[in-house]
């Protein structure tokens, strides 16, 4: 992943083991949280308790990063002020600084892969509708018939503000994400079909929304966070991660301590090291407060 100013100097607190804690307990130097269903409340705000917990972690020298399926255009609307300097967006395809609206790194799907994916999936499900996120996620290009399935607010936009492009326009340039919908198939079936054609060079996932999201093969929240952690000199064992949905599963499995909120999906709950209270009960804050009370160690 290109550097492009990704480095940031951190102050790491010297933390002694808490009483009753082994000397080899894991020291957390980076906290990562999904947004929707995890850090955010149902109204897309964050509670005062959560904001205090994030600020306290940062004061202790811990890097706190948001990791979301949302695109960069959503970040100014949903990120609390404490998290606006660094966010992993579009399921790992973009690293973004919301404070100055700067894309720090991008891991896109090549144009030829977009074309191969669309052609292959249409062979299996001819009525599939597609859209692509281009220009680091600032632009959404809906293909033929896509707007008829799109709901207001999807992808941070409203259908009436968009114009559909010809199918050829979807593969005319690289994209940070390909989106697939089908009005006549269950989402699970469409996902299985996407997995069947993923060999062309994509990684499909879902995140509690009525469409499939595809990144470039090998690009996920986990793989981008691994690169980001390495940029700062951290290992996976020094990372605490929070999530609730399928696009968080690999991230929780990668992190030294993966926490699912209680409202998460069954597969995510199964892979987590710990289950926190639900997002509506400040689950992320509860765990961060406990971490800091233990001197930053688990």
Protein backbone atom coordinates (compact mmCIF):
# COMPACT_ATOMS: atom_id res chain seq x y z
CA UNK A 1 0.00 0.00 0.00
CA UNK A 2 1.44 3.40 -0.90
CA UNK A 3 2.73 5.47 1.99
CA UNK A 4 1.33 8.92 1.05
CA UNK A 5 1.76 10.30 4.54
CA UNK A 6 0.22 7.31 6.29
CA UNK A 7 2.77 7.43 9.09
CA UNK A 8 1.82 9.23 12.26
CA UNK A 9 4.02 9.62 15.33
CA UNK A 10 2.47 8.02 18.38
CA UNK A 11 3.17 8.39 22.07
CA UNK A 12 3.01 4.92 23.60
CA UNK A 13 2.27 4.88 27.29
CA UNK A 14 4.55 2.73 29.44
CA UNK A 15 2.01 0.43 30.99
CA UNK A 16 2.82 -1.93 33.83
CA UNK A 17 0.73 -5.08 34.28
CA UNK A 18 -2.34 -4.54 36.42
CA UNK A 19 -2.52 -6.35 39.75
CA UNK A 20 -3.23 -10.04 39.21
CA UNK A 21 -2.28 -9.80 35.54
CA UNK A 22 0.55 -11.82 33.96
CA UNK A 23 3.62 -9.99 32.70
CA UNK A 24 3.04 -11.45 29.23
CA UNK A 25 -0.47 -10.00 28.95
CA UNK A 26 -1.16 -8.43 25.57
CA UNK A 27 -0.58 -4.67 25.39
CA UNK A 28 -3.07 -2.90 23.15
CA UNK A 29 -1.60 -0.14 20.98
CA UNK A 30 -4.33 0.09 18.35
CA UNK A 31 -8.13 -0.06 18.63
CA UNK A 32 -10.26 -0.58 15.53
CA UNK A 33 -14.04 -0.34 15.39
CA UNK A 34 -16.68 -0.89 12.77
CA UNK A 35 -19.26 1.89 12.63
CA UNK A 36 -22.83 0.81 11.79
CA UNK A 37 -24.24 -1.58 14.37
CA UNK A 38 -21.06 -1.41 16.46
CA UNK A 39 -19.79 2.05 17.39
CA UNK A 40 -22.83 3.96 16.12
CA UNK A 41 -26.27 4.02 17.68
CA UNK A 42 -29.31 3.26 15.48
CA UNK A 43 -29.67 6.98 14.69
CA UNK A 44 -26.02 6.98 13.47
CA UNK A 45 -24.78 9.07 16.38
CA UNK A 46 -22.29 8.09 19.09
CA UNK A 47 -23.05 8.27 22.78
CA UNK A 48 -21.21 10.63 25.10
CA UNK A 49 -19.83 7.60 26.96
CA UNK A 50 -18.36 6.17 23.75
CA UNK A 51 -16.77 9.49 22.82
CA UNK A 52 -15.22 9.76 26.29
CA UNK A 53 -13.84 6.23 26.06
CA UNK A 54 -12.26 6.90 22.66
CA UNK A 55 -10.69 10.14 23.93
CA UNK A 56 -9.34 8.36 27.01
CA UNK A 57 -7.76 5.65 24.87
CA UNK A 58 -6.11 8.28 22.68
CA UNK A 59 -4.85 10.09 25.78
CA UNK A 60 -3.24 6.78 26.80
CA UNK A 61 -1.30 6.72 23.52
CA UNK A 62 -3.51 4.19 21.72
CA UNK A 63 -4.24 4.70 18.02
CA UNK A 64 -8.01 4.47 17.43
CA UNK A 65 -9.23 3.83 13.88
CA UNK A 66 -12.68 3.43 12.30
CA UNK A 67 -13.09 0.58 9.79
CA UNK A 68 -16.26 0.60 7.73
CA UNK A 69 -17.93 -0.51 4.54
CA UNK A 70 -19.10 3.07 4.02
CA UNK A 71 -17.44 5.26 1.42
CA UNK A 72 -15.46 8.41 2.08
CA UNK A 73 -18.41 10.73 1.43
CA UNK A 74 -20.17 9.37 4.53
CA UNK A 75 -17.30 9.97 6.91
CA UNK A 76 -17.88 13.65 7.76
CA UNK A 77 -21.50 12.78 8.59
CA UNK A 78 -20.96 9.78 10.87
CA UNK A 79 -17.47 9.94 12.37
CA UNK A 80 -17.18 11.46 15.84
CA UNK A 81 -14.64 14.26 16.04
CA UNK A 82 -12.10 12.02 17.78
CA UNK A 83 -11.90 9.66 14.78
CA UNK A 84 -11.65 12.08 11.88
CA UNK A 85 -7.93 11.81 11.22
CA UNK A 86 -7.81 8.16 10.10
CA UNK A 87 -10.47 5.77 8.78
CA UNK A 88 -10.46 2.60 6.69
CA UNK A 89 -13.37 2.90 4.23
CA UNK A 90 -15.08 0.79 1.56
CA UNK A 91 -14.21 -2.47 3.34
CA UNK A 92 -10.49 -1.81 3.21
CA UNK A 93 -10.19 -0.30 -0.26
CA UNK A 94 -9.50 3.25 0.96
CA UNK A 95 -7.59 4.81 3.85
CA UNK A 96 -8.93 8.28 4.52
CA UNK A 97 -8.34 11.38 6.61
CA UNK A 98 -11.72 12.99 7.21
CA UNK A 99 -10.24 16.01 8.97
CA UNK A 100 -8.92 17.38 5.68
CA UNK A 101 -10.82 15.15 3.19
CA UNK A 102 -7.67 13.41 1.99
CA UNK A 103 -7.33 9.90 0.58
CA UNK A 104 -4.13 8.45 2.02
CA UNK A 105 -4.13 5.14 0.16
CA UNK A 106 -6.33 3.20 -2.25
CA UNK A 107 -6.54 -0.51 -3.22
CA UNK A 108 -8.90 -0.56 -6.21
CA UNK A 109 -10.34 -3.21 -8.51
CA UNK A 110 -8.76 -2.96 -11.96
CA UNK A 111 -11.06 -2.00 -14.83
CA UNK A 112 -10.54 -5.33 -16.58
CA UNK A 113 -11.52 -7.19 -13.41
CA UNK A 114 -14.71 -5.12 -13.17
CA UNK A 115 -15.55 -6.14 -16.73
CA UNK A 116 -14.83 -9.83 -16.09
CA UNK A 117 -16.89 -9.88 -12.90
CA UNK A 118 -19.91 -8.22 -14.48
CA UNK A 119 -19.82 -10.52 -17.50
CA UNK A 120 -19.39 -13.66 -15.39
CA UNK A 121 -22.16 -12.80 -12.95
CA UNK A 122 -24.59 -11.85 -15.72
CA UNK A 123 -24.02 -15.29 -17.24
CA UNK A 124 -25.31 -16.84 -14.00
CA UNK A 125 -27.96 -14.25 -13.10
CA UNK A 126 -28.93 -12.11 -16.13
CA UNK A 127 -31.11 -9.70 -14.13
CA UNK A 128 -28.34 -8.64 -11.75
CA UNK A 129 -27.98 -4.87 -11.40
CA UNK A 130 -24.60 -3.27 -10.79
CA UNK A 131 -23.04 -0.06 -9.56
CA UNK A 132 -19.41 0.89 -9.04
CA UNK A 133 -17.75 3.25 -6.60
CA UNK A 134 -15.02 5.14 -8.42
CA UNK A 135 -12.64 8.01 -7.73
CA UNK A 136 -11.79 6.62 -4.27
CA UNK A 137 -15.51 6.35 -3.47
CA UNK A 138 -16.47 9.94 -4.21
CA UNK A 139 -18.46 8.88 -7.29
CA UNK A 140 -21.17 6.23 -7.61
CA UNK A 141 -21.91 4.97 -11.12
CA UNK A 142 -25.24 3.08 -11.25
CA UNK A 143 -25.64 0.73 -14.21
CA UNK A 144 -28.86 0.04 -16.15
CA UNK A 145 -31.77 -0.73 -13.82
CA UNK A 146 -29.81 -0.15 -10.63
CA UNK A 147 -31.66 2.96 -9.48
CA UNK A 148 -34.94 1.05 -9.49
CA UNK A 149 -33.60 -1.14 -6.67
CA UNK A 150 -31.76 1.58 -4.79
CA UNK A 151 -33.28 3.06 -1.63
CA UNK A 152 -32.79 6.66 -0.45
CA UNK A 153 -29.61 6.90 1.59
CA UNK A 154 -27.95 3.82 0.11
CA UNK A 155 -24.26 4.48 -0.48
CA UNK A 156 -24.76 7.90 1.12
CA UNK A 157 -26.81 9.12 -1.82
CA UNK A 158 -30.37 9.42 -3.13
CA UNK A 159 -31.49 7.81 -6.40
CA UNK A 160 -33.07 11.00 -7.73
CA UNK A 161 -29.66 12.70 -7.66
CA UNK A 162 -28.04 10.10 -9.91
CA UNK A 163 -28.11 9.10 -13.58
CA UNK A 164 -27.56 5.56 -14.78
CA UNK A 165 -24.60 4.85 -17.05
CA UNK A 166 -24.34 2.24 -19.83
CA UNK A 167 -23.03 -1.16 -18.79
CA UNK A 168 -19.76 -0.38 -20.57
CA UNK A 169 -19.30 2.63 -18.29
CA UNK A 170 -19.07 0.38 -15.25
CA UNK A 171 -15.82 -1.14 -16.45
CA UNK A 172 -14.26 1.90 -18.08
CA UNK A 173 -12.12 2.64 -15.03
CA UNK A 174 -10.94 1.08 -11.79
CA UNK A 175 -13.33 1.00 -8.83
CA UNK A 176 -12.91 0.69 -5.09
CA UNK A 177 -16.10 -1.35 -4.90
CA UNK A 178 -18.52 -3.20 -7.18
CA UNK A 179 -22.08 -3.47 -5.88
CA UNK A 180 -24.52 -6.14 -7.07
CA UNK A 181 -28.28 -6.37 -6.48
CA UNK A 182 -30.99 -8.66 -7.78
CA UNK A 183 -34.71 -8.00 -7.42
CA UNK A 184 -35.69 -11.66 -7.78
CA UNK A 185 -33.06 -13.59 -5.81
CA UNK A 186 -32.51 -13.89 -2.05
CA UNK A 187 -29.36 -12.12 -0.94
CA UNK A 188 -27.84 -15.43 0.18
CA UNK A 189 -28.27 -16.87 -3.32
CA UNK A 190 -26.74 -13.81 -4.96
CA UNK A 191 -23.81 -14.01 -2.56
CA UNK A 192 -23.21 -17.65 -3.48
CA UNK A 193 -23.19 -16.70 -7.16
CA UNK A 194 -20.73 -13.89 -6.47
CA UNK A 195 -18.47 -16.36 -4.70
CA UNK A 196 -18.62 -18.66 -7.73
CA UNK A 197 -17.19 -15.93 -9.97
CA UNK A 198 -14.84 -14.35 -7.42
CA UNK A 199 -11.89 -16.09 -9.09
CA UNK A 200 -11.82 -13.27 -11.65
CA UNK A 201 -10.23 -11.13 -8.94
CA UNK A 202 -12.78 -9.94 -6.38
CA UNK A 203 -13.69 -10.57 -2.74
CA UNK A 204 -17.47 -10.47 -2.04
CA UNK A 205 -18.93 -9.65 1.36
CA UNK A 206 -22.13 -8.46 3.03
CA UNK A 207 -22.72 -5.97 5.82
CA UNK A 208 -26.38 -6.10 6.78
CA UNK A 209 -27.53 -4.28 3.64
CA UNK A 210 -29.63 -5.65 0.73
CA UNK A 211 -26.77 -5.90 -1.75
CA UNK A 212 -23.40 -7.58 -2.23
CA UNK A 213 -20.22 -5.52 -2.00
CA UNK A 214 -17.07 -6.63 -3.80
CA UNK A 215 -13.51 -5.41 -3.29
CA UNK A 216 -10.37 -6.43 -5.13
CA UNK A 217 -9.17 -9.92 -4.28
CA UNK A 218 -7.18 -9.80 -1.05
CA UNK A 219 -8.63 -6.46 0.02
CA UNK A 220 -10.62 -6.41 3.24
CA UNK A 221 -10.75 -4.47 6.47
CA UNK A 222 -8.34 -7.01 7.96
CA UNK A 223 -5.68 -6.89 5.24
CA UNK A 224 -5.65 -3.10 5.08
CA UNK A 225 -5.54 -2.81 8.86
CA UNK A 226 -2.62 -5.24 8.89
CA UNK A 227 -0.73 -2.92 6.53
CA UNK A 228 -1.74 0.12 8.57
CA UNK A 229 -0.64 -1.51 11.82
CA UNK A 230 2.71 -2.41 10.27
CA UNK A 231 3.16 1.22 9.15
CA UNK A 232 2.95 2.16 12.82
CA UNK A 233 5.11 -0.72 14.07
CA UNK A 234 2.26 -2.70 15.62
CA UNK A 235 1.54 -6.42 15.37
CA UNK A 236 -1.89 -8.05 15.27
CA UNK A 237 -1.46 -9.08 18.92
CA UNK A 238 -1.45 -5.40 19.84
CA UNK A 239 -4.81 -4.71 18.17
CA UNK A 240 -8.27 -4.68 19.75
CA UNK A 241 -11.07 -4.84 17.16
CA UNK A 242 -14.86 -4.45 17.38
CA UNK A 243 -17.50 -5.52 14.85
CA UNK A 244 -20.95 -6.93 14.24
CA UNK A 245 -21.36 -8.14 10.66
CA UNK A 246 -19.90 -10.44 8.00
CA UNK A 247 -17.47 -7.83 6.70
CA UNK A 248 -15.97 -7.66 10.22
CA UNK A 249 -15.37 -11.37 10.68
CA UNK A 250 -11.88 -11.52 9.16
CA UNK A 251 -10.92 -8.37 11.08
CA UNK A 252 -11.95 -9.87 14.42
CA UNK A 253 -10.14 -13.09 13.60
CA UNK A 254 -6.96 -11.19 12.66
CA UNK A 255 -6.84 -8.91 15.72
CA UNK A 256 -5.16 -10.03 18.91
CA UNK A 257 -8.46 -9.51 20.70
CA UNK A 258 -11.61 -9.53 18.57
CA UNK A 259 -14.84 -8.34 20.19
CA UNK A 260 -18.32 -8.73 18.72
CA UNK A 261 -21.16 -6.61 20.06
CA UNK A 262 -24.12 -8.65 21.31
CA UNK A 263 -26.33 -7.52 18.43
CA UNK A 264 -23.89 -9.01 15.91
CA UNK A 265 -24.64 -11.83 13.49
CA UNK A 266 -24.14 -15.43 14.59
CA UNK A 267 -20.99 -16.07 12.47
CA UNK A 268 -19.33 -12.98 13.92
CA UNK A 269 -20.29 -13.88 17.47
CA UNK A 270 -18.80 -17.33 16.87
CA UNK A 271 -15.37 -16.05 15.79
CA UNK A 272 -15.03 -13.35 18.48
CA UNK A 273 -12.76 -13.71 21.49
CA UNK A 274 -15.35 -11.86 23.55
CA UNK A 275 -18.92 -10.63 23.26
CA UNK A 276 -19.57 -7.08 24.46
CA UNK A 277 -22.92 -5.48 25.25
CA UNK A 278 -24.93 -4.33 22.23
CA UNK A 279 -24.17 -1.07 20.45
CA UNK A 280 -27.25 0.44 22.13
CA UNK A 281 -25.67 -0.41 25.50
CA UNK A 282 -22.31 1.23 24.75
CA UNK A 283 -20.57 -2.11 24.21
CA UNK A 284 -17.45 -0.59 22.66
CA UNK A 285 -17.09 1.88 25.53
CA UNK A 286 -17.53 -0.88 28.14
CA UNK A 287 -14.58 -2.84 26.77
CA UNK A 288 -12.34 0.20 26.27
CA UNK A 289 -13.03 1.35 29.84
CA UNK A 290 -12.07 -2.10 31.13
CA UNK A 291 -8.92 -2.10 29.01
CA UNK A 292 -7.79 1.25 30.38
CA UNK A 293 -8.61 0.21 33.94
CA UNK A 294 -6.21 -2.71 33.41
CA UNK A 295 -3.38 -0.48 32.25
CA UNK A 296 -4.00 -1.03 28.56
CA UNK A 297 -3.53 -4.80 28.74
CA UNK A 298 -5.72 -7.85 28.31
